[in-house]
Protein backbone atom coordinates (compact mmCIF):
# COMPACT_ATOMS: atom_id res chain seq x y z
CA MET A 1 159.59 102.61 35.49
CA ALA A 2 162.29 100.75 33.54
CA ALA A 3 163.76 97.38 34.48
CA SER A 4 167.46 96.63 34.11
CA LEU A 5 169.03 93.36 33.01
CA SER A 6 169.95 92.72 36.65
CA ASP A 7 166.24 92.96 37.53
CA TYR A 8 165.42 90.29 34.96
CA ARG A 9 168.17 88.06 36.37
CA ALA A 10 167.08 88.65 39.96
CA ALA A 11 163.43 87.89 39.18
CA LEU A 12 164.15 84.68 37.27
CA THR A 13 166.57 83.40 39.93
CA THR A 14 164.25 84.14 42.86
CA PRO A 15 164.00 81.10 45.16
CA GLY A 16 161.09 78.94 44.05
CA ALA A 17 160.84 80.49 40.56
CA ALA A 18 163.01 78.08 38.55
CA ALA A 19 160.64 75.09 38.49
CA PRO A 20 157.42 76.95 37.51
CA VAL A 21 159.35 79.03 34.95
CA CYS A 22 160.74 75.91 33.27
CA ALA A 23 157.36 74.17 33.41
CA SER A 24 155.62 77.18 31.91
CA VAL A 25 158.10 77.26 29.03
CA ILE A 26 157.07 73.72 28.10
CA GLY A 27 153.36 74.06 28.79
CA ARG A 28 152.80 77.45 27.18
CA PHE A 29 154.87 76.81 24.09
CA PRO A 30 151.92 75.24 22.21
CA ILE A 31 149.52 78.12 23.01
CA ALA A 32 149.46 79.18 19.34
CA MET A 33 151.20 76.11 17.90
CA HIS A 34 148.17 73.92 18.58
CA SER A 35 145.78 75.96 16.45
CA LEU A 36 148.05 76.35 13.42
CA ALA A 37 149.15 72.71 13.68
CA THR A 38 145.48 71.70 13.56
CA LEU A 39 144.80 74.05 10.65
CA LEU A 40 147.70 72.70 8.58
CA TYR A 41 146.85 69.11 9.54
CA VAL A 42 143.25 69.48 8.34
CA ARG A 43 144.46 71.35 5.26
CA GLU A 44 146.65 68.38 4.31
CA VAL A 45 143.82 65.89 4.91
CA GLU A 46 140.89 67.85 3.44
CA GLY A 47 142.69 70.04 0.87
CA SER A 48 140.81 73.21 1.82
CA TYR A 49 141.95 76.27 3.77
CA ALA A 50 138.30 77.14 4.48
CA VAL A 51 137.53 73.79 6.18
CA ALA A 52 140.87 73.86 7.99
CA GLY A 53 140.25 77.41 9.19
CA ALA A 54 136.82 76.41 10.52
CA VAL A 55 138.25 73.53 12.57
CA SER A 56 141.11 75.67 13.88
CA ALA A 57 138.70 78.48 14.74
CA SER A 58 136.44 76.06 16.64
CA LEU A 59 139.42 74.85 18.65
CA LEU A 60 140.37 78.42 19.50
CA VAL A 61 136.82 79.44 20.41
CA GLY A 62 136.69 76.54 22.87
CA THR A 63 140.11 77.53 24.20
CA ALA A 64 139.01 81.13 24.66
CA VAL A 65 135.90 80.23 26.65
CA GLY A 66 137.75 77.60 28.65
CA THR A 67 140.50 80.09 29.49
CA VAL A 68 138.13 82.46 31.25
CA VAL A 69 136.19 79.74 33.07
CA GLN A 70 139.41 78.13 34.20
CA GLY A 71 140.82 81.48 35.33
CA ARG A 72 137.87 82.06 37.64
CA VAL A 73 138.13 78.53 39.05
CA LEU A 74 141.89 78.84 39.60
CA ASP A 75 141.45 82.13 41.48
CA ARG A 76 138.95 80.46 43.82
CA LEU A 77 140.28 76.89 44.22
CA GLY A 78 143.98 77.31 43.57
CA PRO A 79 145.82 75.98 40.53
CA THR A 80 147.00 72.50 41.51
CA ARG A 81 143.92 70.25 41.65
CA PRO A 82 141.94 71.80 38.75
CA MET A 83 145.00 71.67 36.48
CA LEU A 84 145.65 68.01 37.15
CA LEU A 85 142.00 67.20 36.43
CA LEU A 86 142.12 69.16 33.18
CA VAL A 87 145.17 67.25 31.98
CA GLY A 88 143.19 63.99 32.00
CA VAL A 89 140.17 65.47 30.20
CA TYR A 90 142.39 67.18 27.63
CA LEU A 91 144.23 63.95 26.80
CA VAL A 92 140.96 62.21 25.93
CA ALA A 93 139.62 65.19 23.96
CA VAL A 94 142.69 65.72 21.78
CA ALA A 95 142.82 61.98 20.98
CA GLY A 96 139.19 62.25 19.85
CA LEU A 97 139.99 65.23 17.62
CA ILE A 98 142.83 63.39 15.90
CA ALA A 99 140.53 60.42 15.34
CA CYS A 100 137.88 62.67 13.75
CA ILE A 101 140.40 64.27 11.40
CA GLU A 102 141.91 60.95 10.37
CA ALA A 103 138.47 59.40 9.76
CA ARG A 104 137.29 62.54 7.92
CA THR A 105 134.08 62.52 9.91
CA ALA A 106 131.23 64.93 9.16
CA LEU A 107 132.36 68.52 9.66
CA PRO A 108 129.82 69.38 12.42
CA LEU A 109 131.10 66.49 14.56
CA THR A 110 134.72 67.49 14.02
CA LEU A 111 133.91 71.09 14.93
CA ALA A 112 132.14 69.97 18.12
CA VAL A 113 135.10 67.84 19.20
CA ALA A 114 137.45 70.74 18.38
CA VAL A 115 135.43 73.03 20.67
CA LEU A 116 135.53 70.41 23.45
CA THR A 117 139.29 70.06 23.02
CA GLY A 118 139.69 73.82 23.32
CA LEU A 119 137.54 73.95 26.46
CA ALA A 120 139.72 71.29 28.09
CA THR A 121 143.05 72.79 27.03
CA PRO A 122 144.86 73.73 30.28
CA ALA A 123 145.11 77.51 30.51
CA PHE A 124 147.74 78.41 33.06
CA GLU A 125 149.07 81.59 31.43
CA GLY A 126 147.21 83.66 34.02
CA SER A 127 148.41 81.47 36.89
CA SER A 128 151.99 81.79 35.69
CA ARG A 129 151.74 85.56 35.65
CA ALA A 130 149.86 85.79 38.96
CA LEU A 131 152.47 83.60 40.68
CA TRP A 132 155.04 86.40 40.42
CA SER A 133 153.10 88.41 43.01
CA ASP A 134 153.95 85.61 45.47
CA LEU A 135 157.60 85.36 44.43
CA VAL A 136 158.89 88.93 44.03
CA PRO A 137 157.98 92.22 45.74
CA PRO A 138 156.47 95.19 43.86
CA GLY A 139 158.97 97.32 41.97
CA PRO A 140 161.43 96.88 39.10
CA ARG A 141 161.88 93.15 39.69
CA ARG A 142 158.17 92.46 39.40
CA GLU A 143 157.97 94.65 36.30
CA ALA A 144 160.89 92.65 34.87
CA ALA A 145 159.00 89.45 35.66
CA TYR A 146 155.88 90.72 33.89
CA THR A 147 157.93 91.85 30.89
CA TYR A 148 159.50 88.38 30.78
CA GLU A 149 155.98 86.91 30.77
CA ALA A 150 155.03 89.14 27.85
CA ILE A 151 158.21 88.35 25.91
CA SER A 152 157.92 84.60 26.48
CA LEU A 153 154.21 84.53 25.68
CA GLU A 154 154.75 86.36 22.43
CA THR A 155 157.70 84.14 21.59
CA PHE A 156 155.38 81.17 21.96
CA PHE A 157 152.73 82.87 19.81
CA ILE A 158 155.23 83.23 16.97
CA LEU A 159 157.82 80.44 17.38
CA GLY A 160 155.16 77.80 18.12
CA PRO A 161 153.39 78.22 14.77
CA ALA A 162 156.78 78.18 13.04
CA LEU A 163 157.57 74.79 14.59
CA ALA A 164 154.09 73.57 13.67
CA ALA A 165 154.69 74.49 10.04
CA VAL A 166 158.07 72.73 9.99
CA LEU A 167 156.68 69.55 11.57
CA VAL A 168 153.74 69.38 9.16
CA LEU A 169 155.95 69.86 6.11
CA ALA A 170 159.01 67.86 7.20
CA THR A 171 157.46 64.75 8.78
CA PRO A 172 155.67 61.85 7.07
CA TRP A 173 152.44 62.38 9.01
CA PRO A 174 150.88 65.88 9.11
CA GLY A 175 149.39 65.21 12.55
CA THR A 176 152.85 65.11 14.16
CA ALA A 177 152.70 68.77 15.14
CA VAL A 178 149.36 68.27 16.95
CA VAL A 179 150.80 65.38 18.96
CA VAL A 180 153.91 67.38 19.87
CA ALA A 181 151.78 70.36 20.97
CA ALA A 182 149.47 68.18 23.07
CA SER A 183 152.39 66.39 24.70
CA ALA A 184 153.98 69.70 25.69
CA GLU A 185 150.65 70.89 27.15
CA ILE A 186 150.32 67.74 29.25
CA VAL A 187 153.91 67.60 30.52
CA GLY A 188 154.22 71.33 31.21
CA THR A 189 150.87 71.65 32.96
CA THR A 190 151.44 68.62 35.18
CA TRP A 191 154.89 69.83 36.20
CA PHE A 192 153.70 73.40 36.84
CA ALA A 193 150.77 72.25 38.98
CA LEU A 194 153.03 70.11 41.16
CA THR A 195 155.78 72.69 41.81
CA ALA A 196 156.23 73.83 45.40
CA ALA A 197 155.41 77.49 44.66
CA VAL A 198 152.13 76.60 42.94
CA ARG A 199 151.11 74.18 45.68
CA ARG A 200 151.78 76.87 48.30
CA ARG A 201 149.62 79.32 46.36
CA SER A 202 146.84 76.74 46.10
CA ALA A 203 146.98 76.11 49.86
CA ARG A 204 146.84 79.86 50.61
CA ILE A 205 143.81 80.32 48.34
CA ARG A 206 142.01 77.39 49.94
CA ASP A 207 142.74 78.75 53.43
CA SER A 208 141.45 82.20 52.44
CA ARG A 209 138.28 80.70 51.01
CA ARG A 210 137.60 78.69 54.16
CA ALA A 211 138.14 81.82 56.27
CA GLY A 212 135.73 83.77 54.07
CA SER A 213 138.39 86.37 53.23
CA LEU A 214 138.71 85.66 49.52
CA PRO A 215 137.20 88.57 47.50
CA VAL A 216 134.97 87.46 44.64
CA GLU A 217 133.94 89.47 41.59
CA GLY A 218 130.34 88.34 41.13
CA GLY A 219 128.14 87.99 38.08
CA LEU A 220 128.61 86.21 34.79
CA LEU A 221 131.33 88.58 33.63
CA GLY A 222 133.17 88.79 36.94
CA VAL A 223 136.16 91.12 36.77
CA PHE A 224 135.42 91.80 33.07
CA ARG A 225 132.74 94.26 34.19
CA ARG A 226 135.52 96.82 34.67
CA PRO A 227 135.60 99.19 31.64
CA GLY A 228 139.39 99.54 31.67
CA LEU A 229 139.91 95.78 31.49
CA ARG A 230 137.44 95.55 28.59
CA THR A 231 139.54 98.11 26.73
CA VAL A 232 142.71 96.11 27.32
CA ALA A 233 140.88 93.02 26.05
CA LEU A 234 139.87 94.93 22.91
CA ALA A 235 143.53 95.73 22.28
CA SER A 236 144.42 92.09 22.78
CA LEU A 237 141.61 91.03 20.42
CA GLY A 238 142.87 93.35 17.70
CA PHE A 239 146.42 92.13 18.14
CA GLY A 240 145.33 88.49 17.87
CA LEU A 241 143.24 89.24 14.77
CA VAL A 242 146.20 90.75 12.94
CA ALA A 243 148.72 88.15 14.14
CA GLY A 244 146.45 85.21 13.25
CA THR A 245 145.89 86.69 9.80
CA ALA A 246 149.62 87.03 9.24
CA GLU A 247 150.45 83.48 10.38
CA VAL A 248 148.25 81.85 7.74
CA GLY A 249 149.01 84.51 5.15
CA VAL A 250 152.76 84.03 5.35
CA MET A 251 152.40 80.28 4.77
CA ALA A 252 150.24 80.93 1.69
CA ALA A 253 152.57 83.68 0.42
CA THR A 254 155.70 81.53 0.64
CA ALA A 255 153.90 78.62 -1.04
CA PHE A 256 152.86 80.99 -3.85
CA ALA A 257 156.50 82.11 -4.18
CA GLY A 258 157.54 78.46 -4.66
CA SER A 259 159.16 77.96 -1.25
CA PRO A 260 156.63 76.51 1.25
CA ALA A 261 159.28 75.75 3.89
CA ALA A 262 160.28 79.43 3.98
CA GLY A 263 157.06 80.19 5.89
CA GLY A 264 158.37 78.49 9.02
CA VAL A 265 161.73 80.26 8.69
CA LEU A 266 160.08 83.66 8.35
CA LEU A 267 157.88 83.04 11.40
CA SER A 268 160.99 82.08 13.39
CA LEU A 269 162.77 85.27 12.33
CA TRP A 270 159.63 87.19 13.27
CA SER A 271 159.89 85.68 16.73
CA LEU A 272 163.55 86.67 17.04
CA VAL A 273 162.84 90.28 16.09
CA SER A 274 159.94 90.31 18.55
CA VAL A 275 162.13 89.08 21.42
CA LEU A 276 164.94 91.56 20.72
CA THR A 277 162.59 94.53 20.56
CA GLY A 278 160.81 93.23 23.66
CA VAL A 279 164.04 93.32 25.67
CA LEU A 280 164.79 96.84 24.46
CA TYR A 281 161.22 97.84 25.29
CA GLY A 282 161.67 96.68 28.88
CA LEU A 283 165.02 98.40 29.40
CA ARG A 284 163.79 101.98 29.10
CA PRO A 285 160.81 104.03 30.20
CA TRP A 286 158.51 105.02 27.34
CA PRO A 287 157.51 108.67 26.96
CA ARG A 288 153.84 108.13 26.14
CA PRO A 289 151.25 106.89 28.66
CA LEU A 290 149.76 103.45 28.20
CA HIS A 291 146.32 104.56 27.02
CA LEU A 292 147.95 106.33 24.05
CA ARG A 293 150.55 103.67 23.30
CA MET A 294 148.13 100.78 22.83
CA PRO A 295 146.05 102.16 19.92
CA VAL A 296 149.13 103.54 18.14
CA LEU A 297 151.01 100.24 18.37
CA LEU A 298 148.00 98.29 17.08
CA ALA A 299 147.46 100.72 14.21
CA GLY A 300 151.10 100.42 13.15
CA PHE A 301 150.90 96.63 13.34
CA GLY A 302 147.75 96.61 11.21
CA VAL A 303 149.31 98.89 8.59
CA LEU A 304 152.40 96.70 8.25
CA VAL A 305 150.48 93.41 8.03
CA THR A 306 148.22 94.99 5.41
CA ALA A 307 151.39 95.87 3.50
CA MET A 308 152.55 92.26 3.84
CA GLY A 309 149.35 91.12 2.17
CA LEU A 310 149.70 93.66 -0.62
CA VAL A 311 153.27 92.59 -1.50
CA SER A 312 152.57 88.84 -1.27
CA PRO A 313 151.18 88.47 -4.83
CA ILE A 314 154.45 89.90 -6.17
CA GLY A 315 156.19 86.69 -5.13
CA SER A 316 159.28 88.46 -3.73
CA LEU A 317 160.31 86.80 -0.45
CA ALA A 318 162.94 89.50 0.15
CA LEU A 319 160.35 92.29 0.08
CA LEU A 320 157.93 90.27 2.21
CA THR A 321 160.70 89.64 4.75
CA VAL A 322 161.53 93.34 5.13
CA VAL A 323 157.92 94.33 5.77
CA MET A 324 157.32 91.33 8.03
CA MET A 325 160.33 92.09 10.25
CA ALA A 326 159.17 95.68 10.64
CA ALA A 327 155.80 94.35 11.81
CA GLY A 328 157.55 91.93 14.17
CA ALA A 329 159.20 94.85 15.98
CA LEU A 330 155.74 95.93 17.21
CA ILE A 331 154.68 92.56 18.63
CA THR A 332 156.16 92.34 22.13
CA PRO A 333 155.63 96.04 22.94
CA GLN A 334 151.91 95.38 22.42
CA VAL A 335 151.81 92.27 24.60
CA THR A 336 153.80 94.04 27.33
CA ALA A 337 151.34 96.92 27.20
CA HIS A 338 148.42 94.50 27.57
CA SER A 339 150.06 92.91 30.63
CA LEU A 340 150.62 96.33 32.20
CA GLY A 341 147.03 97.21 31.38
CA VAL A 342 145.78 94.19 33.33
CA GLU A 343 147.98 95.24 36.26
CA GLN A 344 146.41 98.70 36.24
CA THR A 345 142.76 97.84 35.70
CA ALA A 346 142.12 94.62 37.67
CA PRO A 347 142.32 93.78 41.40
CA ALA A 348 145.21 91.59 42.53
CA ASP A 349 142.90 88.88 43.93
CA SER A 350 141.40 88.34 40.48
CA ALA A 351 144.71 88.48 38.61
CA THR A 352 144.40 85.02 37.04
CA GLU A 353 140.88 85.61 35.76
CA ALA A 354 141.74 89.10 34.52
CA PHE A 355 144.82 87.97 32.64
CA ASN A 356 142.93 85.03 31.17
CA TRP A 357 140.29 87.45 29.82
CA MET A 358 143.14 89.09 27.93
CA VAL A 359 144.40 85.72 26.70
CA MET A 360 140.85 84.80 25.68
CA ALA A 361 140.59 87.99 23.64
CA ALA A 362 143.92 87.29 21.92
CA VAL A 363 142.93 83.69 21.17
CA LEU A 364 139.56 84.78 19.76
CA GLY A 365 141.39 87.30 17.63
CA VAL A 366 143.82 84.67 16.35
CA SER A 367 140.86 82.37 15.66
CA ALA A 368 139.03 85.00 13.65
CA GLY A 369 142.22 86.02 11.87
CA GLN A 370 143.10 82.49 10.83
CA ALA A 371 139.57 81.70 9.65
CA LEU A 372 139.28 85.00 7.76
CA SER A 373 142.73 84.64 6.26
CA GLY A 374 142.07 81.09 5.06
CA THR A 375 138.77 82.07 3.46
CA MET A 376 140.15 85.19 1.75
CA ILE A 377 143.21 83.32 0.46
CA ASP A 378 140.93 80.67 -1.08
CA LEU A 379 138.88 83.44 -2.71
CA LEU A 380 141.50 86.04 -3.69
CA GLY A 381 144.86 84.30 -3.66
CA PRO A 382 147.95 84.86 -1.46
CA GLY A 383 147.27 88.56 -0.94
CA GLY A 384 143.79 88.04 0.51
CA TYR A 385 145.01 88.27 4.11
CA ALA A 386 145.58 92.03 3.73
CA LEU A 387 141.97 92.40 4.88
CA GLY A 388 142.91 91.15 8.35
CA GLY A 389 145.49 93.88 8.73
CA ALA A 390 142.96 96.49 7.62
CA LEU A 391 140.49 95.26 10.25
CA GLY A 392 143.23 95.64 12.84
CA ILE A 393 143.43 99.32 11.94
CA VAL A 394 139.67 99.61 12.50
CA VAL A 395 140.03 98.01 15.95
CA ALA A 396 142.83 100.48 16.73
CA GLY A 397 140.36 103.29 15.96
CA LEU A 398 137.84 101.83 18.40
CA LEU A 399 140.60 101.48 20.98
CA TRP A 400 141.45 105.16 20.57
CA LEU A 401 137.84 106.08 21.27
CA ARG A 402 137.94 104.05 24.51
CA ARG A 403 141.35 105.29 25.66
CA GLY A 404 139.80 107.31 28.48
CA THR A 405 138.81 104.12 30.36
CA ILE A 406 142.51 103.34 30.85
CA ALA A 407 143.70 106.91 31.28
CA ALA A 408 141.85 107.08 34.61
CA THR A 409 144.04 104.28 36.00
CA ASP A 410 147.28 105.09 34.15
CA PRO A 411 150.09 105.98 36.59
CA ALA A 412 151.40 108.45 34.03
CA ARG A 413 148.16 110.43 34.49
CA VAL A 414 148.09 110.34 38.31
CA PRO A 415 149.66 113.36 40.06
CA VAL A 416 152.52 112.66 42.47
CA GLY A 417 151.17 111.92 45.91
CA ALA A 418 147.66 111.17 44.66
CA ALA A 419 145.94 107.81 44.94
CA PRO A 420 145.72 106.00 41.57
């Protein structure tokens, strides 16, 4: 089912949507900015991509674990109170991380504080997405809302790192980008938690829990026990791996070409291409079912990022730009497919937890990609990040082997009149 531009407009202007949408723009913007800002900050202080990648990876590992734990709590307690508590803990943790970096403390201590900061980072991406089920009815408008979520999330994944790079390079103190990211997290999360729509959702969840009518996915893994959702998470992991590799690789490639500031510009252009293709993706129905689209999109993304790595040692920014923009055209279609995959494979009452599993997978992928890219660039030069793209192709192969777990729930595979 395709969504028209009027569906996007209707969804975003639904009564009660404006405040949480604006708050989520501020609070989610640093989702990928924080990690790259930390990486570049440590790189400036320590002079090593390997050390910087380790600190950034630790932050993202903590974020990934915290995302899932928070998602389960938010599904059971409602978003408002847990989010406000997290804001206070996060403020203390990020101040401690900055202090460790500035004091150049022993690496194990810095890594531990980075993990703690990640655990405390407010993760309301899932709550933002789940809120649409309260605001708009099923149909094209809700699909438009979910596509908007995918487009905005991917915009933040690409534009955030671009801003981080600019702030690190253009301001006197390399920690400026970390402070900006943390401030946006705190302001956006606090505002989102206090909006009327979120408070109503929290009250409804609390009432359902008291009445004993709130379904709970038990066990350590919760909703992640569902095979289809694990496959969607694998796709998200592969996407994050390739994207994280490219983010660090582009910065190294432009520095090698003699224009370090061009890295931020290229990442911004990447974001623009991603948004434009995302809108086009949402305006028309796609001919292939979801379980076939996801591995093909990831494979194409991996091939193009591998090509980016291979052309980087040439030092031609024009050639790198052409290949990079082609890769950017495959970004939002992947994230939209992941969001639709969560819709198909997870129960509505566990929507926040399910979506946060997907975010966790993407964050872990970005973490691994950044760490791998930094290490390979130190060892092999600006083209070393091609390995990350190649690994993305491998993940796409694994995704193809698991495609049947999504096919069973894909509406394109369900006969008319049959129950999905």
